[in-house]
N, C-alpha and C. Protein backbone atom coordinates (compact mmCIF):
# COMPACT_ATOMS: atom_id res chain seq x y z
N UNK A 1 119.64 243.08 103.45
CA UNK A 1 119.11 241.76 103.23
C UNK A 1 119.37 241.37 101.78
N UNK A 2 119.71 240.12 101.55
CA UNK A 2 119.92 239.67 100.17
C UNK A 2 118.66 239.87 99.33
N UNK A 3 118.85 240.27 98.08
CA UNK A 3 117.71 240.52 97.20
C UNK A 3 117.20 239.27 96.52
N UNK A 4 118.09 238.37 96.12
CA UNK A 4 117.65 237.19 95.37
C UNK A 4 117.26 236.05 96.31
N UNK A 5 116.33 235.24 95.84
CA UNK A 5 115.88 234.08 96.62
C UNK A 5 117.03 233.10 96.82
N UNK A 6 117.87 232.95 95.83
CA UNK A 6 119.02 232.04 95.93
C UNK A 6 119.98 232.49 97.02
N UNK A 7 120.28 233.80 97.05
CA UNK A 7 121.18 234.34 98.08
C UNK A 7 120.57 234.19 99.48
N UNK A 8 119.27 234.44 99.60
CA UNK A 8 118.60 234.28 100.89
C UNK A 8 118.70 232.84 101.37
N UNK A 9 118.52 231.90 100.45
CA UNK A 9 118.59 230.48 100.80
C UNK A 9 120.00 230.11 101.28
N UNK A 10 121.02 230.61 100.57
CA UNK A 10 122.40 230.32 100.97
C UNK A 10 122.70 230.87 102.36
N UNK A 11 122.28 232.09 102.62
CA UNK A 11 122.52 232.72 103.92
C UNK A 11 121.76 231.98 105.03
N UNK A 12 120.52 231.65 104.77
CA UNK A 12 119.73 230.93 105.76
C UNK A 12 120.35 229.56 106.08
N UNK A 13 120.85 228.89 105.06
CA UNK A 13 121.52 227.61 105.27
C UNK A 13 122.73 227.77 106.18
N UNK A 14 123.53 228.80 105.95
CA UNK A 14 124.70 229.06 106.80
C UNK A 14 124.27 229.38 108.24
N UNK A 15 123.25 230.19 108.39
CA UNK A 15 122.78 230.58 109.72
C UNK A 15 122.28 229.34 110.48
N UNK A 16 121.54 228.49 109.81
CA UNK A 16 121.04 227.28 110.46
C UNK A 16 122.18 226.34 110.85
N UNK A 17 123.21 226.28 110.01
CA UNK A 17 124.37 225.45 110.33
C UNK A 17 125.07 225.99 111.59
N UNK A 18 125.21 227.30 111.67
CA UNK A 18 125.83 227.91 112.85
C UNK A 18 124.97 227.64 114.08
N UNK A 19 123.67 227.78 113.94
CA UNK A 19 122.76 227.52 115.07
C UNK A 19 122.92 226.09 115.55
N UNK A 20 123.03 225.16 114.63
CA UNK A 20 123.23 223.75 115.00
C UNK A 20 124.55 223.55 115.73
N UNK A 21 125.58 224.24 115.28
CA UNK A 21 126.88 224.12 115.94
C UNK A 21 126.83 224.69 117.35
N UNK A 22 126.13 225.81 117.54
CA UNK A 22 126.01 226.42 118.86
C UNK A 22 125.20 225.50 119.78
N UNK A 23 124.13 224.91 119.25
CA UNK A 23 123.34 223.98 120.05
C UNK A 23 124.17 222.77 120.47
N UNK A 24 125.00 222.27 119.57
CA UNK A 24 125.88 221.14 119.91
C UNK A 24 126.88 221.54 120.99
N UNK A 25 127.37 222.75 120.93
CA UNK A 25 128.29 223.25 121.95
C UNK A 25 127.58 223.33 123.30
N UNK A 26 126.35 223.80 123.29
CA UNK A 26 125.58 223.89 124.53
C UNK A 26 125.34 222.50 125.12
N UNK A 27 125.01 221.54 124.27
CA UNK A 27 124.82 220.16 124.75
C UNK A 27 126.13 219.60 125.31
N UNK A 28 127.23 219.92 124.67
CA UNK A 28 128.53 219.43 125.13
C UNK A 28 128.86 219.97 126.51
N UNK A 29 128.45 221.19 126.78
CA UNK A 29 128.71 221.78 128.08
C UNK A 29 128.00 221.01 129.19
N UNK A 30 126.87 220.43 128.88
CA UNK A 30 126.11 219.67 129.86
C UNK A 30 126.58 218.23 130.01
N UNK A 31 127.53 217.81 129.23
CA UNK A 31 128.03 216.43 129.32
C UNK A 31 129.52 216.46 129.65
N UNK A 32 130.12 215.31 129.58
CA UNK A 32 131.54 215.20 129.94
C UNK A 32 132.46 215.31 128.73
N UNK A 33 132.18 216.24 127.86
CA UNK A 33 133.00 216.45 126.67
C UNK A 33 134.29 217.16 127.11
N UNK A 34 135.44 216.66 126.66
CA UNK A 34 136.71 217.31 127.02
C UNK A 34 136.78 218.75 126.51
N UNK A 35 137.52 219.56 127.22
CA UNK A 35 137.69 220.97 126.84
C UNK A 35 138.22 221.11 125.42
N UNK A 36 139.14 220.24 125.02
CA UNK A 36 139.73 220.33 123.69
C UNK A 36 138.65 220.18 122.61
N UNK A 37 137.72 219.26 122.82
CA UNK A 37 136.64 219.06 121.86
C UNK A 37 135.75 220.30 121.80
N UNK A 38 135.51 220.91 122.95
CA UNK A 38 134.69 222.12 122.97
C UNK A 38 135.42 223.27 122.27
N UNK A 39 136.71 223.37 122.49
CA UNK A 39 137.50 224.41 121.81
C UNK A 39 137.46 224.21 120.29
N UNK A 40 137.53 222.96 119.86
CA UNK A 40 137.43 222.68 118.42
C UNK A 40 136.07 223.10 117.88
N UNK A 41 135.02 222.86 118.65
CA UNK A 41 133.68 223.26 118.23
C UNK A 41 133.57 224.78 118.14
N UNK A 42 134.16 225.47 119.11
CA UNK A 42 134.16 226.94 119.09
C UNK A 42 134.90 227.45 117.86
N UNK A 43 136.02 226.81 117.53
CA UNK A 43 136.77 227.20 116.33
C UNK A 43 135.94 226.97 115.07
N UNK A 44 135.17 225.88 115.05
CA UNK A 44 134.31 225.61 113.90
C UNK A 44 133.21 226.66 113.78
N UNK A 45 132.66 227.07 114.91
CA UNK A 45 131.62 228.12 114.91
C UNK A 45 132.21 229.43 114.40
N UNK A 46 133.40 229.74 114.87
CA UNK A 46 134.06 230.97 114.42
C UNK A 46 134.29 230.93 112.91
N UNK A 47 134.75 229.79 112.41
CA UNK A 47 134.96 229.66 110.97
C UNK A 47 133.67 229.81 110.19
N UNK A 48 132.59 229.24 110.73
CA UNK A 48 131.29 229.36 110.07
C UNK A 48 130.82 230.81 110.07
N UNK A 49 131.04 231.51 111.17
CA UNK A 49 130.66 232.93 111.25
C UNK A 49 131.49 233.75 110.26
N UNK A 50 132.76 233.42 110.14
CA UNK A 50 133.61 234.11 109.16
C UNK A 50 133.08 233.89 107.75
N UNK A 51 132.69 232.67 107.45
CA UNK A 51 132.13 232.36 106.14
C UNK A 51 130.84 233.12 105.88
N UNK A 52 130.00 233.23 106.91
CA UNK A 52 128.75 233.98 106.79
C UNK A 52 129.04 235.46 106.53
N UNK A 53 129.99 236.01 107.25
CA UNK A 53 130.36 237.42 107.05
C UNK A 53 130.85 237.65 105.61
N UNK A 54 131.71 236.77 105.13
CA UNK A 54 132.23 236.92 103.77
C UNK A 54 131.11 236.81 102.74
N UNK A 55 130.22 235.85 102.96
CA UNK A 55 129.08 235.67 102.04
C UNK A 55 128.19 236.90 102.01
N UNK A 56 127.88 237.44 103.18
CA UNK A 56 127.02 238.62 103.25
C UNK A 56 127.69 239.85 102.62
N UNK A 57 128.99 240.02 102.83
CA UNK A 57 129.67 241.15 102.21
C UNK A 57 129.64 241.01 100.68
N UNK A 58 129.86 239.80 100.19
CA UNK A 58 129.83 239.56 98.75
C UNK A 58 128.44 239.86 98.19
N UNK A 59 127.41 239.39 98.88
CA UNK A 59 126.03 239.63 98.43
C UNK A 59 125.73 241.12 98.44
N UNK A 60 126.14 241.80 99.51
CA UNK A 60 125.89 243.25 99.60
C UNK A 60 126.55 243.99 98.45
N UNK A 61 127.82 243.68 98.20
CA UNK A 61 128.52 244.36 97.10
C UNK A 61 127.86 244.06 95.77
N UNK A 62 127.50 242.80 95.54
CA UNK A 62 126.86 242.42 94.29
C UNK A 62 125.52 243.14 94.13
N UNK A 63 124.72 243.16 95.19
CA UNK A 63 123.41 243.79 95.11
C UNK A 63 123.51 245.28 94.83
N UNK A 64 124.52 245.94 95.34
CA UNK A 64 124.67 247.39 95.12
C UNK A 64 125.43 247.69 93.83
N UNK A 65 126.56 247.04 93.65
CA UNK A 65 127.46 247.43 92.58
C UNK A 65 127.13 246.82 91.22
N UNK A 66 126.42 245.70 91.21
CA UNK A 66 126.13 245.05 89.94
C UNK A 66 124.72 245.30 89.44
N UNK A 67 124.10 246.36 89.94
CA UNK A 67 122.81 246.76 89.40
C UNK A 67 123.07 247.40 88.04
N UNK A 68 122.02 247.76 87.34
CA UNK A 68 122.18 248.29 85.99
C UNK A 68 123.17 249.45 85.94
N UNK A 69 122.93 250.47 86.73
CA UNK A 69 123.86 251.60 86.77
C UNK A 69 123.86 252.19 88.17
N UNK A 70 124.71 251.62 89.05
CA UNK A 70 124.73 252.19 90.40
C UNK A 70 125.27 253.62 90.35
N UNK A 71 124.65 254.47 91.15
CA UNK A 71 125.11 255.85 91.19
C UNK A 71 126.43 255.92 91.94
N UNK A 72 127.13 257.00 91.74
CA UNK A 72 128.38 257.21 92.45
C UNK A 72 128.12 257.22 93.96
N UNK A 73 127.00 257.81 94.35
CA UNK A 73 126.63 257.85 95.76
C UNK A 73 126.43 256.44 96.31
N UNK A 74 125.74 255.57 95.55
CA UNK A 74 125.51 254.19 95.98
C UNK A 74 126.82 253.42 96.10
N UNK A 75 127.71 253.61 95.12
CA UNK A 75 129.01 252.92 95.16
C UNK A 75 129.85 253.40 96.34
N UNK A 76 129.82 254.71 96.59
CA UNK A 76 130.58 255.26 97.72
C UNK A 76 130.02 254.74 99.05
N UNK A 77 128.69 254.67 99.16
CA UNK A 77 128.07 254.16 100.39
C UNK A 77 128.42 252.69 100.60
N UNK A 78 128.40 251.91 99.54
CA UNK A 78 128.75 250.49 99.62
C UNK A 78 130.20 250.33 100.08
N UNK A 79 131.08 251.12 99.52
CA UNK A 79 132.49 251.09 99.91
C UNK A 79 132.66 251.45 101.38
N UNK A 80 131.97 252.49 101.82
CA UNK A 80 132.04 252.89 103.23
C UNK A 80 131.49 251.79 104.14
N UNK A 81 130.37 251.20 103.75
CA UNK A 81 129.77 250.13 104.55
C UNK A 81 130.74 248.96 104.70
N UNK A 82 131.26 248.49 103.59
CA UNK A 82 132.16 247.33 103.62
C UNK A 82 133.42 247.66 104.41
N UNK A 83 133.97 248.85 104.22
CA UNK A 83 135.16 249.25 104.99
C UNK A 83 134.88 249.24 106.48
N UNK A 84 133.72 249.75 106.86
CA UNK A 84 133.34 249.76 108.28
C UNK A 84 133.18 248.35 108.83
N UNK A 85 132.54 247.47 108.05
CA UNK A 85 132.37 246.09 108.49
C UNK A 85 133.72 245.43 108.70
N UNK A 86 134.61 245.62 107.75
CA UNK A 86 135.93 244.99 107.83
C UNK A 86 136.69 245.52 109.04
N UNK A 87 136.66 246.84 109.25
CA UNK A 87 137.36 247.42 110.41
C UNK A 87 136.83 246.85 111.72
N UNK A 88 135.51 246.83 111.88
CA UNK A 88 134.94 246.33 113.14
C UNK A 88 135.17 244.83 113.27
N UNK A 89 135.15 244.11 112.18
CA UNK A 89 135.33 242.66 112.22
C UNK A 89 136.76 242.28 112.61
N UNK A 90 137.71 243.08 112.19
CA UNK A 90 139.12 242.76 112.46
C UNK A 90 139.60 243.24 113.83
N UNK A 91 138.74 243.91 114.59
CA UNK A 91 139.14 244.36 115.92
C UNK A 91 139.31 243.20 116.86
């Protein structure tokens, strides 16, 4: 979880934006919205999720690596975490 109030606010804003996009997609499914418009909305949701992932990885690295003196163990764990996230995300 982000440590700073500013980071939490940024992440929450992104999450709410994604939720709004998903709700709009759900409403579109119940109406006569063309498939192309729905595909565009799905692409926008995917882009927003990508942005959220990048933001969270940046926050995680900053919170761990930019502390006063992160231990070698903490830096290694952060590297492993981020590598794992990237691997699973790119599948």
